[in-house]
């Protein structure tokens, strides 16, 4: 991670430099009786809670037909017709658009591009968001430096096989601004750092039952999001650089938690013997809070653990135990 001259955070991943590549093809015929020479099939993609999404895919092309001559390929997926998104369209909608025209412009994505599993979008790639619904094998989606404060981020038709979602520095104020996030039932890692989050929606988060890693650092949270104490599979939680003043007693219910990061908040105290009540906890960081140097409050000796680390950041109170 680095910062440009304006101070805006910029994220780099050397192994990921992918963008959605589409092609625009204009088909023209002399009269309406001339066949376009293309057969389009509607592949049905199942969405969460019974919804279906029709994917208009080129099934076959006439060898000497107009469509093949103009560059259309078998297994291309049609995204737009004459500038209109085909998301939600069925066969009748496509037929109506093609049958009455002498010229049709289609935007397509190739089979190679629509089967990508890892996508990283930044500023100036906002248009790619319109095509996320077409990527049915996407596993990881990273979005950075795109302002969603007014419009929100629409993931309502994205594949439910997504395992990792990263949305950073995008001016989000609430998790519900990510439309459809509750449908991502396979999500294991969610990173929403460097936004303006003020609260975490309980109803939405409880749908993410497979989540093991949640990172909400560098936001505007003033209270600990109590919903996380009921997320049974959560192993790592980061709430660094917020304004949290109280760690609720319910945190000891997080029986799967292994790492808890609370640095740079305004905590003044912790639940008594909090570390002893979290059986899987291996790391607790609390630097730059308002805690007194009271190591007993953290659980005293940890002889029952093979490895444990915590750091309070108060004079003479940083402790490493092995």
Protein backbone atom coordinates (compact mmCIF):
# COMPACT_ATOMS: atom_id res chain seq x y z
CA UNK A 1 0.00 0.00 0.00
CA UNK A 2 1.27 3.50 -0.79
CA UNK A 3 0.07 7.08 -1.00
CA UNK A 4 0.14 9.47 -3.96
CA UNK A 5 0.89 13.22 -3.77
CA UNK A 6 -2.73 14.04 -2.90
CA UNK A 7 -2.64 11.73 0.11
CA UNK A 8 -5.17 9.34 -1.46
CA UNK A 9 -4.50 5.74 -0.60
CA UNK A 10 -3.52 3.52 -3.50
CA UNK A 11 -3.38 -0.26 -3.32
CA UNK A 12 -1.09 -2.40 -5.44
CA UNK A 13 -1.06 -6.16 -5.90
CA UNK A 14 1.79 -7.15 -8.17
CA UNK A 15 0.15 -10.43 -9.17
CA UNK A 16 -3.16 -8.82 -10.17
CA UNK A 17 -3.45 -6.43 -13.10
CA UNK A 18 -6.69 -7.56 -14.67
CA UNK A 19 -9.52 -5.51 -16.16
CA UNK A 20 -12.70 -6.63 -17.88
CA UNK A 21 -12.12 -6.61 -21.64
CA UNK A 22 -15.17 -6.24 -23.87
CA UNK A 23 -15.65 -5.87 -27.61
CA UNK A 24 -18.20 -3.80 -29.48
CA UNK A 25 -19.38 -5.23 -32.79
CA UNK A 26 -21.82 -3.63 -35.22
CA UNK A 27 -23.88 -5.99 -37.38
CA UNK A 28 -25.44 -4.57 -40.54
CA UNK A 29 -27.78 -6.18 -43.10
CA UNK A 30 -29.28 -4.90 -46.34
CA UNK A 31 -32.90 -5.77 -45.54
CA UNK A 32 -34.90 -7.26 -42.69
CA UNK A 33 -35.32 -10.58 -44.49
CA UNK A 34 -31.59 -11.30 -44.33
CA UNK A 35 -30.74 -13.63 -41.47
CA UNK A 36 -28.16 -12.45 -38.95
CA UNK A 37 -26.63 -15.92 -38.92
CA UNK A 38 -26.38 -16.26 -35.14
CA UNK A 39 -28.12 -18.50 -32.61
CA UNK A 40 -28.22 -17.21 -29.07
CA UNK A 41 -29.06 -19.42 -26.12
CA UNK A 42 -30.16 -18.28 -22.70
CA UNK A 43 -28.09 -20.03 -20.05
CA UNK A 44 -29.80 -19.80 -16.70
CA UNK A 45 -27.58 -18.87 -13.76
CA UNK A 46 -29.09 -19.60 -10.36
CA UNK A 47 -28.84 -16.82 -7.82
CA UNK A 48 -29.32 -16.94 -4.08
CA UNK A 49 -32.90 -17.25 -2.71
CA UNK A 50 -34.35 -18.76 -5.90
CA UNK A 51 -33.67 -15.90 -8.30
CA UNK A 52 -32.47 -16.64 -11.83
CA UNK A 53 -30.29 -14.70 -14.24
CA UNK A 54 -30.43 -15.31 -18.00
CA UNK A 55 -27.05 -15.16 -19.76
CA UNK A 56 -27.32 -14.50 -23.49
CA UNK A 57 -24.55 -16.62 -25.02
CA UNK A 58 -23.71 -17.17 -28.69
CA UNK A 59 -24.39 -20.85 -29.25
CA UNK A 60 -23.60 -21.17 -32.96
CA UNK A 61 -22.83 -19.08 -36.05
CA UNK A 62 -23.62 -19.65 -39.72
CA UNK A 63 -20.34 -20.12 -41.53
CA UNK A 64 -21.16 -17.46 -44.11
CA UNK A 65 -23.48 -15.39 -41.97
CA UNK A 66 -23.24 -11.67 -41.16
CA UNK A 67 -22.45 -12.19 -37.47
CA UNK A 68 -19.38 -14.34 -38.09
CA UNK A 69 -18.07 -12.02 -40.79
CA UNK A 70 -18.35 -9.08 -38.40
CA UNK A 71 -16.29 -10.84 -35.72
CA UNK A 72 -18.81 -12.45 -33.39
CA UNK A 73 -17.55 -15.75 -31.95
CA UNK A 74 -19.17 -18.83 -30.51
CA UNK A 75 -19.49 -18.72 -26.68
CA UNK A 76 -19.26 -14.92 -26.66
CA UNK A 77 -21.65 -13.54 -24.08
CA UNK A 78 -23.78 -10.55 -25.04
CA UNK A 79 -23.73 -7.78 -22.45
CA UNK A 80 -25.45 -4.94 -24.28
CA UNK A 81 -27.52 -4.43 -27.43
CA UNK A 82 -27.59 -0.91 -28.87
CA UNK A 83 -26.24 0.44 -25.60
CA UNK A 84 -28.89 -1.28 -23.46
CA UNK A 85 -27.85 -3.84 -20.87
CA UNK A 86 -29.29 -7.32 -21.46
CA UNK A 87 -29.11 -8.15 -17.78
CA UNK A 88 -32.49 -9.62 -16.90
CA UNK A 89 -33.49 -10.08 -20.54
CA UNK A 90 -34.98 -13.29 -21.89
CA UNK A 91 -35.05 -14.64 -25.47
CA UNK A 92 -38.07 -12.56 -26.49
CA UNK A 93 -36.29 -9.33 -25.53
CA UNK A 94 -33.28 -10.18 -27.68
CA UNK A 95 -35.43 -11.27 -30.61
CA UNK A 96 -37.36 -8.00 -30.57
CA UNK A 97 -34.16 -5.96 -30.59
CA UNK A 98 -32.64 -7.88 -33.52
CA UNK A 99 -35.68 -8.56 -35.71
CA UNK A 100 -36.76 -5.03 -36.46
CA UNK A 101 -33.35 -3.49 -37.19
CA UNK A 102 -31.01 -3.19 -40.13
CA UNK A 103 -28.09 -2.41 -37.82
CA UNK A 104 -27.41 -3.72 -34.33
CA UNK A 105 -24.43 -2.93 -32.10
CA UNK A 106 -23.61 -5.57 -29.51
CA UNK A 107 -21.13 -5.44 -26.64
CA UNK A 108 -19.73 -8.88 -25.87
CA UNK A 109 -17.30 -10.54 -23.50
CA UNK A 110 -15.31 -13.58 -24.58
CA UNK A 111 -15.36 -16.91 -22.76
CA UNK A 112 -11.77 -16.29 -21.61
CA UNK A 113 -12.69 -13.01 -19.95
CA UNK A 114 -15.97 -14.10 -18.38
CA UNK A 115 -14.32 -17.05 -16.63
CA UNK A 116 -11.78 -14.97 -14.69
CA UNK A 117 -11.65 -15.67 -10.97
CA UNK A 118 -9.76 -12.64 -9.62
CA UNK A 119 -10.58 -9.04 -10.53
CA UNK A 120 -9.12 -5.75 -9.29
CA UNK A 121 -10.80 -2.46 -10.25
CA UNK A 122 -9.61 1.06 -9.48
CA UNK A 123 -10.40 4.64 -10.53
CA UNK A 124 -11.29 5.05 -14.22
CA UNK A 125 -12.64 1.49 -14.44
CA UNK A 126 -16.11 2.33 -13.11
CA UNK A 127 -17.74 1.12 -16.33
CA UNK A 128 -16.50 -2.40 -15.62
CA UNK A 129 -18.88 -2.53 -12.64
CA UNK A 130 -21.75 -2.78 -15.12
CA UNK A 131 -20.46 -6.18 -16.25
CA UNK A 132 -19.72 -7.88 -12.93
CA UNK A 133 -22.92 -9.93 -13.24
CA UNK A 134 -21.46 -11.71 -16.26
CA UNK A 135 -18.45 -13.12 -14.38
CA UNK A 136 -19.95 -16.32 -13.01
CA UNK A 137 -16.66 -17.85 -11.77
CA UNK A 138 -15.39 -14.86 -9.84
CA UNK A 139 -13.81 -15.81 -6.51
CA UNK A 140 -12.08 -12.58 -5.47
CA UNK A 141 -13.18 -9.00 -6.18
CA UNK A 142 -11.11 -5.97 -5.15
CA UNK A 143 -12.37 -2.41 -5.67
CA UNK A 144 -10.40 0.66 -4.64
CA UNK A 145 -10.64 4.46 -5.00
CA UNK A 146 -14.12 4.56 -6.57
CA UNK A 147 -16.63 6.85 -4.83
CA UNK A 148 -19.86 5.03 -3.91
CA UNK A 149 -21.13 7.62 -1.42
CA UNK A 150 -24.01 8.63 -3.68
CA UNK A 151 -24.76 5.59 -5.81
CA UNK A 152 -23.73 2.60 -3.72
CA UNK A 153 -22.13 -0.54 -5.15
CA UNK A 154 -24.55 -2.91 -6.87
CA UNK A 155 -23.57 -6.56 -6.37
CA UNK A 156 -27.14 -7.83 -6.42
CA UNK A 157 -26.53 -10.11 -9.43
CA UNK A 158 -22.91 -11.07 -8.81
CA UNK A 159 -22.06 -14.75 -8.46
CA UNK A 160 -22.66 -16.18 -5.00
CA UNK A 161 -19.42 -18.18 -5.28
CA UNK A 162 -17.43 -15.07 -4.34
CA UNK A 163 -15.07 -15.89 -1.45
CA UNK A 164 -13.27 -12.59 -0.97
CA UNK A 165 -14.56 -9.01 -1.28
CA UNK A 166 -12.33 -5.97 -0.80
CA UNK A 167 -13.83 -2.48 -1.06
CA UNK A 168 -11.39 0.17 0.17
CA UNK A 169 -11.28 3.95 0.05
CA UNK A 170 -14.71 4.10 -1.59
CA UNK A 171 -16.52 6.51 0.79
CA UNK A 172 -19.02 3.95 2.08
CA UNK A 173 -20.97 5.00 5.16
CA UNK A 174 -22.87 1.77 5.71
CA UNK A 175 -22.46 -1.86 4.71
CA UNK A 176 -25.94 -1.78 3.14
CA UNK A 177 -24.59 0.57 0.45
CA UNK A 178 -23.16 -2.62 -1.05
CA UNK A 179 -26.41 -3.81 -2.61
CA UNK A 180 -26.83 -7.57 -2.51
CA UNK A 181 -23.97 -8.26 -0.12
CA UNK A 182 -26.29 -10.43 1.98
CA UNK A 183 -26.55 -12.85 -0.95
CA UNK A 184 -22.82 -13.60 -0.90
CA UNK A 185 -23.34 -16.70 1.20
CA UNK A 186 -19.91 -18.18 0.35
CA UNK A 187 -17.97 -15.09 1.42
CA UNK A 188 -15.06 -15.89 3.74
CA UNK A 189 -13.11 -12.63 3.75
CA UNK A 190 -14.55 -9.11 3.80
CA UNK A 191 -12.31 -6.02 3.85
CA UNK A 192 -13.98 -2.60 4.03
CA UNK A 193 -11.07 -0.51 5.29
CA UNK A 194 -10.49 3.22 4.63
CA UNK A 195 -14.15 4.11 4.19
CA UNK A 196 -16.52 6.22 6.32
CA UNK A 197 -18.48 3.39 7.95
CA UNK A 198 -20.49 4.60 10.92
CA UNK A 199 -22.30 1.38 11.76
CA UNK A 200 -22.51 -2.26 10.69
CA UNK A 201 -25.94 -3.58 9.74
CA UNK A 202 -26.85 -6.58 11.88
CA UNK A 203 -29.38 -8.18 9.51
CA UNK A 204 -26.96 -8.04 6.58
CA UNK A 205 -23.93 -9.38 8.43
CA UNK A 206 -25.80 -12.32 9.95
CA UNK A 207 -26.36 -13.66 6.41
CA UNK A 208 -22.60 -14.02 5.92
CA UNK A 209 -22.38 -17.24 7.88
CA UNK A 210 -19.12 -18.46 6.28
CA UNK A 211 -17.14 -15.31 7.09
CA UNK A 212 -13.82 -16.02 8.83
CA UNK A 213 -11.97 -12.71 8.29
CA UNK A 214 -13.54 -9.27 8.76
CA UNK A 215 -11.50 -6.06 8.48
CA UNK A 216 -13.20 -2.74 9.23
CA UNK A 217 -10.20 -0.61 10.09
CA UNK A 218 -9.82 3.10 9.28
CA UNK A 219 -13.51 3.96 9.49
CA UNK A 220 -15.79 6.05 11.72
CA UNK A 221 -17.19 3.36 14.03
CA UNK A 222 -17.89 4.71 17.50
CA UNK A 223 -19.10 1.45 19.00
CA UNK A 224 -18.04 -2.16 18.76
CA UNK A 225 -20.27 -3.90 16.14
CA UNK A 226 -22.07 -6.32 18.44
CA UNK A 227 -23.26 -8.46 15.53
CA UNK A 228 -19.75 -9.92 15.15
CA UNK A 229 -20.07 -11.66 18.52
CA UNK A 230 -22.68 -13.92 16.90
CA UNK A 231 -20.65 -14.76 13.81
CA UNK A 232 -19.66 -18.28 14.76
CA UNK A 233 -16.88 -18.87 12.21
CA UNK A 234 -15.09 -15.55 12.56
CA UNK A 235 -11.37 -16.14 13.17
CA UNK A 236 -9.87 -12.70 12.57
CA UNK A 237 -11.34 -9.28 13.33
CA UNK A 238 -9.65 -5.94 12.74
CA UNK A 239 -11.22 -2.68 13.96
CA UNK A 240 -8.08 -0.55 14.06
CA UNK A 241 -8.25 3.24 13.67
CA UNK A 242 -11.87 3.79 14.72
CA UNK A 243 -13.39 5.56 17.75
CA UNK A 244 -14.48 2.54 19.77
CA UNK A 245 -14.53 3.20 23.51
CA UNK A 246 -16.03 0.00 24.93
CA UNK A 247 -15.34 -3.67 24.27
CA UNK A 248 -18.58 -5.43 25.27
CA UNK A 249 -18.64 -8.48 27.54
CA UNK A 250 -20.28 -10.42 24.71
CA UNK A 251 -16.94 -10.56 22.91
CA UNK A 252 -16.11 -13.67 24.97
CA UNK A 253 -18.78 -15.51 22.96
CA UNK A 254 -16.48 -15.46 19.93
CA UNK A 255 -15.19 -18.97 20.45
CA UNK A 256 -13.48 -19.24 17.04
CA UNK A 257 -11.63 -15.92 17.24
CA UNK A 258 -7.85 -16.24 16.78
CA UNK A 259 -6.79 -12.63 16.08
CA UNK A 260 -8.31 -9.42 17.40
CA UNK A 261 -6.86 -6.05 16.40
CA UNK A 262 -8.13 -2.94 18.19
CA UNK A 263 -5.21 -0.54 17.86
CA UNK A 264 -5.82 3.22 17.65
CA UNK A 265 -9.23 3.39 19.27
CA UNK A 266 -10.24 5.03 22.58
CA UNK A 267 -10.69 1.93 24.76
CA UNK A 268 -10.30 2.51 28.50
CA UNK A 269 -10.98 -0.99 29.80
CA UNK A 270 -11.60 -4.57 28.71
CA UNK A 271 -13.87 -7.37 29.93
CA UNK A 272 -12.14 -9.10 32.86
CA UNK A 273 -9.76 -11.90 31.84
CA UNK A 274 -10.92 -11.52 28.28
CA UNK A 275 -8.10 -13.59 26.77
CA UNK A 276 -8.72 -16.57 29.04
CA UNK A 277 -12.33 -16.69 27.89
CA UNK A 278 -11.42 -16.83 24.19
CA UNK A 279 -10.05 -20.35 23.78
CA UNK A 280 -8.64 -19.92 20.25
CA UNK A 281 -7.20 -16.41 20.66
CA UNK A 282 -3.57 -16.18 19.60
CA UNK A 283 -3.09 -12.45 19.07
CA UNK A 284 -4.57 -9.34 20.62
CA UNK A 285 -3.25 -5.87 19.71
CA UNK A 286 -4.36 -2.75 21.57
CA UNK A 287 -1.77 -0.08 20.86
CA UNK A 288 -2.68 3.61 21.13
CA UNK A 289 -5.80 3.29 23.26
CA UNK A 290 -6.46 4.70 26.75
CA UNK A 291 -5.91 1.49 28.69
CA UNK A 292 -4.18 1.36 32.03
CA UNK A 293 -1.13 -0.96 32.22
CA UNK A 294 -3.15 -3.77 33.82
CA UNK A 295 -1.98 -7.07 32.36
CA UNK A 296 -4.08 -9.05 34.86
CA UNK A 297 -7.12 -7.69 33.14
CA UNK A 298 -5.99 -9.53 30.03
CA UNK A 299 -5.74 -12.85 31.76
CA UNK A 300 -2.37 -12.97 33.49
CA UNK A 301 -0.20 -16.00 32.80
CA UNK A 302 -0.90 -17.94 29.62
CA UNK A 303 0.86 -21.20 30.41
CA UNK A 304 -2.00 -23.12 28.82
CA UNK A 305 -1.14 -21.63 25.42
CA UNK A 306 1.76 -22.71 23.24
CA UNK A 307 1.81 -19.29 21.56
CA UNK A 308 0.14 -16.04 22.48
CA UNK A 309 0.90 -12.40 21.80
CA UNK A 310 -0.63 -9.17 22.91
CA UNK A 311 0.52 -5.58 22.81
CA UNK A 312 -1.15 -2.82 24.74
CA UNK A 313 1.10 0.08 23.84
CA UNK A 314 1.18 1.45 27.40
CA UNK A 315 4.50 2.01 29.18
CA UNK A 316 5.90 -1.24 30.63
CA UNK A 317 2.82 -3.18 29.55
CA UNK A 318 3.76 -4.67 26.19
CA UNK A 319 3.95 -8.39 26.69
CA UNK A 320 4.81 -11.34 24.49
CA UNK A 321 4.17 -14.82 25.81
CA UNK A 322 5.23 -18.14 24.37
